[in-house]
């Protein structure tokens, strides 16, 4: 579990990526993308396919804060 001090977006060319967050589980399938999460959203990210995960992830973060911090789901 972790969080970031900014928004995050992802595109998955191969495999499937799963985000477990306070509002539930979100899956991003191959050849799909997902818009960012809000800053400081607790999440657990994993590969959820038999195919190796390939993911392009973009972060827009507050550079004055640590990039990643431990977090817990409420």
N, C-alpha and C. Protein backbone atom coordinates (compact mmCIF):
# COMPACT_ATOMS: atom_id res chain seq x y z
N UNK A 1 0.84 -1.18 0.00
CA UNK A 1 0.00 0.00 0.00
C UNK A 1 0.88 1.24 0.00
N UNK A 2 0.51 2.17 -0.81
CA UNK A 2 1.27 3.41 -0.90
C UNK A 2 0.38 4.50 -1.48
N UNK A 3 0.90 5.71 -1.49
CA UNK A 3 0.23 6.84 -2.11
C UNK A 3 1.27 7.76 -2.72
N UNK A 4 0.82 8.67 -3.59
CA UNK A 4 1.71 9.63 -4.23
C UNK A 4 1.16 11.04 -3.99
N UNK A 5 2.05 12.05 -3.93
CA UNK A 5 1.60 13.42 -3.68
C UNK A 5 1.14 14.12 -4.95
N UNK A 6 0.43 13.43 -5.80
CA UNK A 6 -0.05 14.03 -7.05
C UNK A 6 -0.89 13.04 -7.83
N UNK A 7 -1.22 13.42 -9.04
CA UNK A 7 -2.07 12.59 -9.90
C UNK A 7 -1.24 11.52 -10.61
N UNK A 8 -1.92 10.46 -11.02
CA UNK A 8 -1.28 9.34 -11.71
C UNK A 8 -2.19 8.89 -12.84
N UNK A 9 -1.60 8.55 -13.98
CA UNK A 9 -2.34 7.98 -15.10
C UNK A 9 -1.54 6.81 -15.64
N UNK A 10 -2.21 5.84 -16.23
CA UNK A 10 -1.52 4.65 -16.72
C UNK A 10 -2.09 4.21 -18.06
N UNK A 11 -1.22 3.61 -18.86
CA UNK A 11 -1.61 2.96 -20.12
C UNK A 11 -0.97 1.58 -20.11
N UNK A 12 -1.74 0.54 -20.41
CA UNK A 12 -1.26 -0.84 -20.36
C UNK A 12 -1.23 -1.41 -21.77
N UNK A 13 -0.03 -1.52 -22.39
CA UNK A 13 0.06 -2.15 -23.72
C UNK A 13 -0.15 -3.66 -23.67
N UNK A 14 0.24 -4.32 -22.56
CA UNK A 14 0.10 -5.78 -22.46
C UNK A 14 -0.16 -6.18 -21.02
N UNK A 15 -0.94 -7.23 -20.83
CA UNK A 15 -1.26 -7.71 -19.49
C UNK A 15 -2.47 -6.99 -18.93
N UNK A 16 -2.57 -6.95 -17.62
CA UNK A 16 -3.64 -6.24 -16.93
C UNK A 16 -3.10 -5.73 -15.61
N UNK A 17 -3.41 -4.49 -15.28
CA UNK A 17 -2.95 -3.88 -14.03
C UNK A 17 -4.16 -3.63 -13.15
N UNK A 18 -4.03 -3.98 -11.87
CA UNK A 18 -5.12 -3.80 -10.92
C UNK A 18 -4.72 -2.80 -9.84
N UNK A 19 -5.64 -1.89 -9.54
CA UNK A 19 -5.46 -0.91 -8.46
C UNK A 19 -6.51 -1.20 -7.40
N UNK A 20 -6.09 -1.50 -6.19
CA UNK A 20 -7.02 -1.65 -5.06
C UNK A 20 -6.96 -0.34 -4.30
N UNK A 21 -8.11 0.35 -4.21
CA UNK A 21 -8.18 1.69 -3.60
C UNK A 21 -9.39 1.76 -2.68
N UNK A 22 -9.54 2.85 -1.93
CA UNK A 22 -10.66 2.96 -1.00
C UNK A 22 -12.03 2.78 -1.66
N UNK A 23 -12.17 3.18 -2.92
CA UNK A 23 -13.48 3.06 -3.57
C UNK A 23 -13.66 1.75 -4.33
N UNK A 24 -12.73 0.81 -4.17
CA UNK A 24 -12.88 -0.50 -4.80
C UNK A 24 -11.67 -0.91 -5.62
N UNK A 25 -11.87 -1.94 -6.42
CA UNK A 25 -10.82 -2.49 -7.27
C UNK A 25 -11.05 -2.03 -8.70
N UNK A 26 -9.99 -1.51 -9.31
CA UNK A 26 -10.06 -1.01 -10.69
C UNK A 26 -9.04 -1.77 -11.52
N UNK A 27 -9.49 -2.29 -12.67
CA UNK A 27 -8.60 -3.04 -13.55
C UNK A 27 -8.41 -2.26 -14.85
N UNK A 28 -7.17 -2.26 -15.33
CA UNK A 28 -6.86 -1.63 -16.61
C UNK A 28 -6.37 -2.75 -17.53
N UNK A 29 -7.17 -3.06 -18.54
CA UNK A 29 -6.87 -4.16 -19.46
C UNK A 29 -5.86 -3.72 -20.51
N UNK A 30 -5.30 -4.69 -21.21
CA UNK A 30 -4.35 -4.41 -22.29
C UNK A 30 -4.98 -3.48 -23.33
N UNK A 31 -4.17 -2.55 -23.81
CA UNK A 31 -4.55 -1.56 -24.82
C UNK A 31 -5.59 -0.57 -24.31
N UNK A 32 -5.60 -0.37 -22.97
CA UNK A 32 -6.48 0.62 -22.35
C UNK A 32 -5.68 1.49 -21.40
N UNK A 33 -6.25 2.63 -21.08
CA UNK A 33 -5.63 3.53 -20.12
C UNK A 33 -6.61 3.92 -19.05
N UNK A 34 -6.08 4.57 -18.02
CA UNK A 34 -6.93 5.05 -16.93
C UNK A 34 -6.43 6.42 -16.50
N UNK A 35 -7.35 7.34 -16.31
CA UNK A 35 -7.00 8.68 -15.85
C UNK A 35 -6.53 8.61 -14.41
N UNK A 36 -5.85 9.65 -14.01
CA UNK A 36 -5.18 9.66 -12.72
C UNK A 36 -6.07 9.55 -11.51
N UNK A 37 -5.43 9.13 -10.44
CA UNK A 37 -6.05 9.10 -9.12
C UNK A 37 -5.74 10.45 -8.47
N UNK A 38 -6.53 10.83 -7.53
CA UNK A 38 -6.27 12.09 -6.84
C UNK A 38 -5.05 11.96 -5.94
N UNK A 39 -4.41 13.08 -5.61
CA UNK A 39 -3.24 13.03 -4.73
C UNK A 39 -3.53 12.33 -3.41
N UNK A 40 -2.54 11.60 -2.94
CA UNK A 40 -2.57 10.92 -1.63
C UNK A 40 -3.63 9.82 -1.52
N UNK A 41 -4.09 9.29 -2.65
CA UNK A 41 -5.03 8.17 -2.61
C UNK A 41 -4.28 6.88 -2.25
N UNK A 42 -4.66 6.19 -1.17
CA UNK A 42 -4.01 4.93 -0.86
C UNK A 42 -4.32 3.91 -1.95
N UNK A 43 -3.30 3.15 -2.36
CA UNK A 43 -3.50 2.14 -3.39
C UNK A 43 -2.51 1.00 -3.27
N UNK A 44 -2.94 -0.13 -3.78
CA UNK A 44 -2.08 -1.29 -3.93
C UNK A 44 -2.17 -1.66 -5.40
N UNK A 45 -1.03 -1.72 -6.07
CA UNK A 45 -0.99 -1.98 -7.51
C UNK A 45 -0.41 -3.36 -7.75
N UNK A 46 -1.02 -4.10 -8.68
CA UNK A 46 -0.50 -5.43 -8.99
C UNK A 46 -0.78 -5.81 -10.44
N UNK A 47 -0.04 -6.81 -10.91
CA UNK A 47 -0.29 -7.42 -12.20
C UNK A 47 -1.36 -8.48 -11.99
N UNK A 48 -2.38 -8.51 -12.86
CA UNK A 48 -3.49 -9.44 -12.64
C UNK A 48 -3.82 -10.24 -13.89
N UNK A 49 -2.78 -10.63 -14.62
CA UNK A 49 -2.97 -11.39 -15.84
C UNK A 49 -1.90 -12.46 -15.94
N UNK A 50 -2.16 -13.49 -16.71
CA UNK A 50 -1.15 -14.51 -16.96
C UNK A 50 -0.05 -13.99 -17.89
N UNK A 51 -0.33 -12.89 -18.58
CA UNK A 51 0.62 -12.25 -19.49
C UNK A 51 1.45 -11.24 -18.69
N UNK A 52 2.75 -11.17 -18.96
CA UNK A 52 3.59 -10.18 -18.28
C UNK A 52 3.01 -8.78 -18.46
N UNK A 53 2.95 -8.02 -17.37
CA UNK A 53 2.43 -6.66 -17.39
C UNK A 53 3.45 -5.71 -18.01
N UNK A 54 2.98 -4.92 -18.94
CA UNK A 54 3.75 -3.79 -19.48
C UNK A 54 2.88 -2.57 -19.22
N UNK A 55 3.42 -1.58 -18.53
CA UNK A 55 2.62 -0.41 -18.21
C UNK A 55 3.45 0.86 -18.34
N UNK A 56 2.84 1.87 -18.90
CA UNK A 56 3.43 3.20 -18.97
C UNK A 56 2.66 4.04 -17.96
N UNK A 57 3.37 4.58 -16.99
CA UNK A 57 2.72 5.33 -15.91
C UNK A 57 3.26 6.75 -15.89
N UNK A 58 2.36 7.72 -15.80
CA UNK A 58 2.73 9.13 -15.76
C UNK A 58 2.30 9.69 -14.41
N UNK A 59 3.22 10.35 -13.75
CA UNK A 59 2.95 10.99 -12.46
C UNK A 59 3.14 12.49 -12.59
N UNK A 60 2.25 13.25 -12.00
CA UNK A 60 2.42 14.70 -11.84
C UNK A 60 2.34 14.92 -10.34
N UNK A 61 3.50 15.12 -9.72
CA UNK A 61 3.56 15.15 -8.26
C UNK A 61 4.12 16.46 -7.73
N UNK A 62 3.94 16.67 -6.46
CA UNK A 62 4.51 17.81 -5.73
C UNK A 62 5.97 17.46 -5.43
N UNK A 63 6.90 18.12 -6.09
CA UNK A 63 8.33 17.81 -5.96
C UNK A 63 8.89 18.15 -4.58
N UNK A 64 8.13 18.84 -3.76
CA UNK A 64 8.62 19.17 -2.42
C UNK A 64 8.29 18.07 -1.41
N UNK A 65 7.57 17.04 -1.87
CA UNK A 65 7.19 15.93 -1.00
C UNK A 65 7.81 14.63 -1.49
N UNK A 66 7.95 13.62 -0.63
CA UNK A 66 8.47 12.33 -1.08
C UNK A 66 7.58 11.76 -2.19
N UNK A 67 8.20 11.06 -3.16
CA UNK A 67 7.46 10.53 -4.31
C UNK A 67 6.40 9.50 -3.90
N UNK A 68 6.74 8.66 -2.93
CA UNK A 68 5.82 7.60 -2.51
C UNK A 68 5.87 7.50 -0.99
N UNK A 69 4.72 7.29 -0.38
CA UNK A 69 4.67 7.14 1.07
C UNK A 69 3.80 5.93 1.43
N UNK A 70 4.12 5.24 2.52
CA UNK A 70 3.28 4.13 2.95
C UNK A 70 1.86 4.63 3.25
N UNK A 71 0.88 3.80 3.00
CA UNK A 71 -0.52 4.18 3.22
C UNK A 71 -1.32 2.97 3.65
N UNK A 72 -2.52 3.21 4.15
CA UNK A 72 -3.46 2.15 4.53
C UNK A 72 -4.82 2.49 3.94
N UNK A 73 -5.56 1.45 3.59
CA UNK A 73 -6.94 1.68 3.15
C UNK A 73 -7.79 1.97 4.39
N UNK A 74 -8.73 2.91 4.25
CA UNK A 74 -9.59 3.21 5.42
C UNK A 74 -10.47 2.05 5.81
